[in-house]
Structure formats: structure tokens, C-alpha cells
Amino acid sequence: MGHKISIRNYRPQDAGDAGAYERLKEGAFFAHLLTKPGYHVDLDLFFAEAGGSIIGLVNVLPELGIKRAVLDFAVERSQNLKVVLPALIKQALKRAKQLGVALAHAGVPALDMEPMSVLERVGFKIVRRFCDLQLNISAINLDGAGRMDWEYRYFKAGDMQLLSDIQNRCFAGEWGYNPNTVEDTAWQLMVRNNCPEDVILALDQDQVIGYCWSESECSRGPSVGVPKGRIYMLGVDNRYRGKGVAKQLLLMGLLHLKKNGRELVEITVDTQNTVAITLYESLGFHLCRETVWYEKSLS
């Protein structure tokens, strides 16, 4: 007979909690979570326990700017997900309501049918799909990628407000985008271990009109050991779209990753953003995986 499952908050005095988080999240840094702006680990992180062992977790990530909470969960592979996950979700929804948000969202890999069925059973519905596209840049000629029709420069100390502002101008109103503060941007740069050259800013008369934010410190591709990079964010001010800025910034980002020894590059895009998908596919990006986003109204 199985052990009874109990759900509890993270306990700062419990030395095993941080390790359990990193184990279940497969290499995530617990210290990064503690520094996330607007996040309270003792209130927002829950563990499932059975027989004295931590067997699952759910993290409630508040995004109060758009009145939602993102539920990030993980369950030990040896456990019955259909039993453990509903108990975690129930506690997470209670916390989300305490935060006063209107919606709870959760993303699941498109081929991961078991958690999808659990979410649907507890009232979540599919609301969006995002795809990860991949490109092997090792054999691509990027010699001309360092030339732009616009002025450009790399991120530097003192640019935190500029970077926050251009992100918000580019993505305001887009599905799932929570407006960034300077603190949010500083945290993102820190957890990604970015160097200044990872962020390229395009300018028109000293006005930032777009940016490409890349990551070189990514894992290696499964089984093949190929160094991976990522285009974390690519955005252009609405007034400058359709002028080739995005393509030039993207090519510069790819060149930067290639110089850093990356071979495979990934980028995530909303499947409803057909303009962006057309651009990426024109450069040879192809689909490698898809994430299904679920939503539950809390009102």
C-alpha cells in the first residue's frame, strides 16, 4: 500500500529542500530562484512528500503585471503522476487566488500526454502553443552578418533601463508577456550569466529600436554532444517593423553565437506569430519541439 501524499511549503530550515528542487528540475539553480524579483520562496514553492521523501513540486510564479500565475511543476518519474500532480495543482491554485491573479497558466511539452490529461481533468484548457525552432549554424556562412543598415552597439553598464524599455515596447500586449522592470532585467541577465556582447541594440539617432539577446551558456544537445546556444529574445519597435531590422539583428546574434563555438541554436516562438516564423524558416530554422500552454480562470 502506497504512502499518503502530503503537500507543504518550502522550509528554509530544511537543508534537503534546495537539493530536491534542483534534482526534480534537472539542474536548475535554486539560488537563482531565491533572487527572482517579486517571488517569495516560502509562500510560492510547494513540495509533495510521501514516506518522508520529496516526490514532486509545484512553483507558483507570480506575474502580477498581467494578473496571472505560471505553475511550473515536476514529479518524480517513479511516482503516479495522476495522483501526485492533482494534489500539487490544488495547492498551487489556492496560492494563485491568494495572489489575486485572474488566470493560472501551465506549459507542457506537446507529446507529454499524461500531465496534459491531468490539467484538463482539473479544469485547464489549451489556450496557446509555442514552438522551439532549431538551426545548425556550423555550416552556415555568416560572413556578412556583421553589417547593419542601422547603427548598433552592444549592451553596456547603465543600459538596464534602455533594455527594459525596448523589451516592453516590443512585446506590450503580446500573449504571456509580463512587463519588465529594471530589477527583472537585471535578474534575467544574472541568471543567464550574460556578457555584454550577448545583447545587441539597434539604434536610430540614439533611440533604441530593437534588440537581439542571445545565450551562449547553454547545454549540449542530447546524445550528440553538440554545443548549443539560444536566441533568448528578439524584438523590434513597432514603428520600425517591416524594414529588415529583425533579420539583421538575428543574423548578428547567430554570428556572435558561432564565434562563441555554438553549433545548434534554438529560438522559441508563438505559433500565432506567423511573421516571425516565416523569418526564422527563411534562414533554415526547423521545428524541434512544441509546448502546449493551458489556462484556468480563477474568477
Protein backbone atom coordinates (compact mmCIF):
# COMPACT_ATOMS: atom_id res chain seq x y z
CA MET A 1 0.00 0.00 0.00
CA GLY A 2 1.42 3.40 -1.01
CA HIS A 3 2.33 6.18 1.38
CA LYS A 4 -0.06 9.06 1.92
CA ILE A 5 0.87 12.18 -0.04
CA SER A 6 1.18 15.47 1.81
CA ILE A 7 1.77 18.92 0.35
CA ARG A 8 3.84 21.52 2.18
CA ASN A 9 5.61 24.81 1.61
CA TYR A 10 9.35 25.13 1.16
CA ARG A 11 11.07 25.18 4.55
CA PRO A 12 14.18 27.40 4.76
CA GLN A 13 15.48 25.36 7.69
CA ASP A 14 15.29 22.09 5.72
CA ALA A 15 18.67 21.59 4.02
CA GLY A 16 17.23 18.96 1.67
CA ASP A 17 14.62 21.22 0.06
CA ALA A 18 17.04 23.12 -2.17
CA GLY A 19 18.62 19.88 -3.37
CA ALA A 20 15.22 18.34 -4.06
CA TYR A 21 14.26 21.35 -6.18
CA GLU A 22 17.42 21.07 -8.27
CA ARG A 23 17.01 17.30 -8.63
CA LEU A 24 13.40 17.45 -9.76
CA LYS A 25 14.08 20.41 -12.06
CA GLU A 26 17.11 18.61 -13.53
CA GLY A 27 19.94 21.04 -12.90
CA ALA A 28 18.06 24.25 -12.11
CA PHE A 29 19.86 26.60 -9.73
CA PHE A 30 17.92 27.08 -6.54
CA ALA A 31 19.93 30.21 -5.71
CA HIS A 32 18.59 31.87 -8.87
CA LEU A 33 15.03 31.23 -7.76
CA LEU A 34 15.68 32.92 -4.42
CA THR A 35 16.73 36.16 -6.15
CA LYS A 36 13.77 36.40 -8.54
CA PRO A 37 12.02 39.80 -8.10
CA GLY A 38 8.53 39.62 -6.61
CA TYR A 39 8.93 35.97 -5.66
CA HIS A 40 8.61 34.53 -2.13
CA VAL A 41 10.01 31.02 -1.98
CA ASP A 42 8.46 30.20 1.38
CA LEU A 43 4.99 31.03 0.01
CA ASP A 44 5.24 30.15 -3.69
CA LEU A 45 7.08 26.82 -3.73
CA PHE A 46 5.34 23.60 -2.65
CA PHE A 47 6.64 20.06 -2.26
CA ALA A 48 4.77 16.75 -2.36
CA GLU A 49 6.04 14.25 0.19
CA ALA A 50 5.34 10.56 0.69
CA GLY A 51 7.05 8.27 3.17
CA GLY A 52 9.43 11.05 4.20
CA SER A 53 10.67 11.62 0.64
CA ILE A 54 10.04 14.59 -1.67
CA ILE A 55 8.41 13.20 -4.81
CA GLY A 56 7.18 16.32 -6.61
CA LEU A 57 6.94 20.09 -6.60
CA VAL A 58 4.97 22.98 -7.99
CA ASN A 59 6.26 26.52 -8.23
CA VAL A 60 3.78 29.41 -8.40
CA LEU A 61 5.47 32.18 -10.38
CA PRO A 62 3.56 35.46 -9.96
CA GLU A 63 3.27 37.75 -12.99
CA LEU A 64 1.13 40.42 -11.43
CA GLY A 65 1.54 42.87 -14.32
CA ILE A 66 -0.79 40.69 -16.41
CA LYS A 67 -2.65 39.20 -13.44
CA ARG A 68 -1.55 35.63 -13.96
CA ALA A 69 0.49 32.98 -12.18
CA VAL A 70 2.54 30.41 -14.06
CA LEU A 71 2.55 26.95 -12.49
CA ASP A 72 5.85 25.14 -13.00
CA PHE A 73 5.72 21.53 -11.80
CA ALA A 74 7.78 18.36 -11.72
CA VAL A 75 7.03 14.87 -10.39
CA GLU A 76 9.44 12.01 -9.72
CA ARG A 77 9.31 9.63 -12.70
CA SER A 78 8.76 6.62 -10.46
CA GLN A 79 5.60 8.16 -8.96
CA ASN A 80 2.00 8.04 -10.12
CA LEU A 81 1.65 11.47 -11.75
CA LYS A 82 -2.14 11.16 -11.92
CA VAL A 83 -2.19 11.05 -8.11
CA VAL A 84 0.63 13.43 -7.20
CA LEU A 85 0.06 16.23 -9.72
CA PRO A 86 -3.61 16.98 -8.88
CA ALA A 87 -2.66 17.41 -5.21
CA LEU A 88 0.11 19.85 -6.16
CA ILE A 89 -2.11 21.77 -8.58
CA LYS A 90 -4.84 22.13 -5.96
CA GLN A 91 -2.42 23.80 -3.55
CA ALA A 92 -0.92 25.96 -6.31
CA LEU A 93 -4.35 27.27 -7.34
CA LYS A 94 -5.10 28.17 -3.75
CA ARG A 95 -1.89 30.21 -3.63
CA ALA A 96 -2.65 31.83 -7.01
CA LYS A 97 -6.02 33.00 -5.69
CA GLN A 98 -4.30 34.49 -2.64
CA LEU A 99 -2.10 36.49 -5.02
CA GLY A 100 -5.24 37.98 -6.57
CA VAL A 101 -4.46 36.90 -10.14
CA ALA A 102 -7.19 36.18 -12.65
CA LEU A 103 -5.55 33.31 -14.52
CA ALA A 104 -3.31 30.32 -13.93
CA HIS A 105 -1.15 29.07 -16.81
CA ALA A 106 0.95 25.93 -17.20
CA GLY A 107 3.13 24.83 -20.11
CA VAL A 108 3.55 21.16 -21.05
CA PRO A 109 5.60 19.50 -23.84
CA ALA A 110 3.18 18.65 -26.64
CA LEU A 111 4.00 14.93 -26.55
CA ASP A 112 3.68 14.62 -22.77
CA MET A 113 0.13 13.31 -22.69
CA GLU A 114 -0.15 12.34 -19.01
CA PRO A 115 0.24 15.82 -17.44
CA MET A 116 -1.95 17.23 -20.21
CA SER A 117 -4.76 14.87 -19.23
CA VAL A 118 -4.36 15.81 -15.56
CA LEU A 119 -4.57 19.54 -16.31
CA GLU A 120 -7.67 19.02 -18.42
CA ARG A 121 -9.26 16.94 -15.69
CA VAL A 122 -8.86 19.78 -13.16
CA GLY A 123 -10.36 22.41 -15.46
CA PHE A 124 -7.47 23.75 -17.56
CA LYS A 125 -7.97 24.36 -21.27
CA ILE A 126 -5.49 24.76 -24.12
CA VAL A 127 -5.02 28.44 -24.90
CA ARG A 128 -1.74 28.70 -26.84
CA ARG A 129 1.05 26.75 -28.50
CA PHE A 130 4.70 27.75 -28.67
CA CYS A 131 7.31 26.02 -30.79
CA ASP A 132 11.06 25.68 -30.42
CA LEU A 133 12.89 26.03 -33.72
CA GLN A 134 16.45 24.86 -34.25
CA LEU A 135 19.24 25.72 -36.67
CA ASN A 136 22.67 24.18 -37.17
CA ILE A 137 24.91 27.20 -37.75
CA SER A 138 28.19 25.29 -38.02
CA ALA A 139 27.94 25.02 -41.82
CA ILE A 140 26.23 28.37 -42.48
CA ASN A 141 28.18 31.27 -43.99
CA LEU A 142 27.56 34.29 -41.74
CA ASP A 143 30.41 36.45 -43.06
CA GLY A 144 28.08 39.31 -43.99
CA ALA A 145 26.07 39.15 -40.78
CA GLY A 146 28.07 41.87 -39.04
CA ARG A 147 26.73 44.65 -41.27
CA MET A 148 23.56 46.57 -40.48
CA ASP A 149 21.67 49.36 -42.20
CA TRP A 150 21.16 50.87 -38.75
CA GLU A 151 23.54 51.90 -36.03
CA TYR A 152 24.13 49.25 -33.41
CA ARG A 153 26.14 48.61 -30.29
CA TYR A 154 26.44 46.06 -27.52
CA PHE A 155 24.83 46.31 -24.11
CA LYS A 156 26.91 48.16 -21.53
CA ALA A 157 26.73 49.17 -17.89
CA GLY A 158 23.95 51.69 -17.41
CA ASP A 159 21.75 50.23 -20.17
CA MET A 160 19.41 48.34 -17.85
CA GLN A 161 16.60 50.87 -18.21
CA LEU A 162 17.06 51.04 -22.01
CA LEU A 163 16.88 47.26 -22.30
CA SER A 164 13.81 47.07 -20.07
CA ASP A 165 12.09 49.82 -22.07
CA ILE A 166 12.73 48.28 -25.50
CA GLN A 167 11.50 44.89 -24.29
CA ASN A 168 8.28 46.46 -23.06
CA ARG A 169 7.77 48.47 -26.26
CA CYS A 170 8.33 45.41 -28.44
CA PHE A 171 6.14 42.98 -26.54
CA ALA A 172 3.48 45.07 -24.77
CA GLY A 173 0.14 43.31 -25.14
CA GLU A 174 1.63 40.08 -26.51
CA TRP A 175 0.21 36.90 -25.01
CA GLY A 176 2.06 35.85 -21.86
CA TYR A 177 4.36 38.88 -21.72
CA ASN A 178 4.63 40.41 -18.27
CA PRO A 179 6.11 43.96 -18.47
CA ASN A 180 9.67 44.04 -17.17
CA THR A 181 11.13 46.30 -14.52
CA VAL A 182 14.82 47.15 -14.30
CA GLU A 183 15.05 44.60 -11.46
CA ASP A 184 13.53 41.91 -13.69
CA THR A 185 16.00 42.64 -16.48
CA ALA A 186 18.97 42.62 -14.10
CA TRP A 187 17.83 39.24 -12.75
CA GLN A 188 17.47 37.77 -16.25
CA LEU A 189 20.98 38.90 -17.18
CA MET A 190 22.38 37.46 -13.96
CA VAL A 191 20.76 34.02 -14.16
CA ARG A 192 21.82 33.64 -17.79
CA ASN A 193 25.38 34.61 -16.99
CA ASN A 194 25.31 37.05 -19.89
CA CYS A 195 28.28 39.07 -21.08
CA PRO A 196 27.65 42.49 -22.72
CA GLU A 197 28.16 41.13 -26.26
CA ASP A 198 25.21 38.77 -25.78
CA VAL A 199 22.81 41.72 -26.16
CA ILE A 200 22.91 43.73 -29.40
CA LEU A 201 20.99 47.01 -29.57
CA ALA A 202 19.90 48.58 -32.87
CA LEU A 203 19.61 52.38 -32.85
CA ASP A 204 18.18 55.21 -34.89
CA GLN A 205 19.67 58.56 -33.81
CA ASP A 206 20.48 57.23 -30.35
CA GLN A 207 16.97 55.80 -29.94
CA VAL A 208 16.96 52.02 -29.30
CA ILE A 209 14.68 50.49 -31.94
CA GLY A 210 15.34 46.78 -31.48
CA TYR A 211 17.49 44.19 -29.79
CA CYS A 212 18.75 40.63 -30.02
CA TRP A 213 19.55 38.84 -26.77
CA SER A 214 21.47 35.59 -27.14
CA GLU A 215 22.72 32.93 -24.74
CA SER A 216 25.96 31.05 -25.21
CA GLU A 217 25.97 29.25 -21.86
CA CYS A 218 23.51 26.54 -22.86
CA SER A 219 23.68 22.76 -22.55
CA ARG A 220 24.82 20.34 -25.20
CA GLY A 221 22.34 18.61 -27.48
CA PRO A 222 21.16 15.17 -26.25
CA SER A 223 23.45 12.25 -27.13
CA VAL A 224 25.36 14.14 -29.83
CA GLY A 225 27.28 16.49 -27.52
CA VAL A 226 26.82 19.47 -29.84
CA PRO A 227 27.33 22.88 -28.16
CA LYS A 228 24.01 24.72 -28.05
CA GLY A 229 23.09 28.39 -27.93
CA ARG A 230 19.82 30.25 -27.87
CA ILE A 231 18.28 33.43 -29.18
CA TYR A 232 16.55 34.27 -25.93
CA MET A 233 14.69 37.35 -27.18
CA LEU A 234 14.46 39.22 -30.48
CA GLY A 235 12.31 42.34 -30.72
CA VAL A 236 11.81 45.41 -32.89
CA ASP A 237 9.86 48.55 -32.03
CA ASN A 238 6.51 48.50 -33.82
CA ARG A 239 7.37 51.70 -35.74
CA TYR A 240 10.39 50.02 -37.37
CA ARG A 241 8.93 46.66 -38.32
CA GLY A 242 8.99 45.61 -41.96
CA LYS A 243 12.33 47.38 -42.53
CA GLY A 244 14.66 44.40 -42.14
CA VAL A 245 15.83 45.26 -38.64
CA ALA A 246 14.81 41.92 -37.12
CA LYS A 247 16.63 39.85 -39.76
CA GLN A 248 19.83 41.86 -39.43
CA LEU A 249 19.76 41.64 -35.64
CA LEU A 250 19.09 37.90 -35.78
CA LEU A 251 22.00 37.32 -38.17
CA MET A 252 24.29 39.29 -35.86
CA GLY A 253 23.12 37.21 -32.91
CA LEU A 254 23.79 33.99 -34.82
CA LEU A 255 27.26 35.22 -35.79
CA HIS A 256 28.00 36.02 -32.14
CA LEU A 257 26.93 32.52 -31.08
CA LYS A 258 29.01 30.93 -33.83
CA LYS A 259 32.10 32.88 -32.73
CA ASN A 260 31.48 31.51 -29.24
CA GLY A 261 31.64 27.95 -30.54
CA ARG A 262 27.92 27.23 -30.60
CA GLU A 263 26.70 24.87 -33.34
CA LEU A 264 22.99 24.36 -32.64
CA VAL A 265 20.85 27.43 -31.97
CA GLU A 266 17.26 27.38 -30.71
CA ILE A 267 14.59 30.04 -30.56
CA THR A 268 11.07 29.90 -29.10
CA VAL A 269 8.13 31.50 -30.89
CA ASP A 270 4.36 31.72 -30.51
CA THR A 271 2.79 29.61 -33.26
CA GLN A 272 0.42 32.50 -33.96
CA ASN A 273 3.36 34.80 -34.78
CA THR A 274 3.49 33.83 -38.44
CA VAL A 275 5.70 36.80 -39.42
CA ALA A 276 8.45 35.68 -37.04
CA ILE A 277 8.12 32.02 -38.05
CA THR A 278 8.45 32.98 -41.73
CA LEU A 279 11.66 34.89 -40.95
CA TYR A 280 13.17 32.02 -38.97
CA GLU A 281 12.26 29.40 -41.57
CA SER A 282 13.77 31.57 -44.33
CA LEU A 283 17.12 31.21 -42.55
CA GLY A 284 16.75 27.43 -42.19
CA PHE A 285 15.26 27.04 -38.71
CA HIS A 286 13.08 23.96 -38.34
CA LEU A 287 10.70 22.66 -35.67
CA CYS A 288 12.29 20.57 -32.91
CA ARG A 289 9.59 20.60 -30.20
CA GLU A 290 6.33 22.23 -29.18
CA THR A 291 4.89 23.39 -25.85
CA VAL A 292 1.16 23.49 -25.15
CA TRP A 293 0.02 26.22 -22.76
CA TYR A 294 -3.00 25.62 -20.57
CA GLU A 295 -5.17 28.19 -18.83
CA LYS A 296 -7.61 28.14 -15.95
CA SER A 297 -9.70 31.12 -14.90
CA LEU A 298 -9.66 31.85 -11.18
CA SER A 299 -12.55 34.30 -11.16
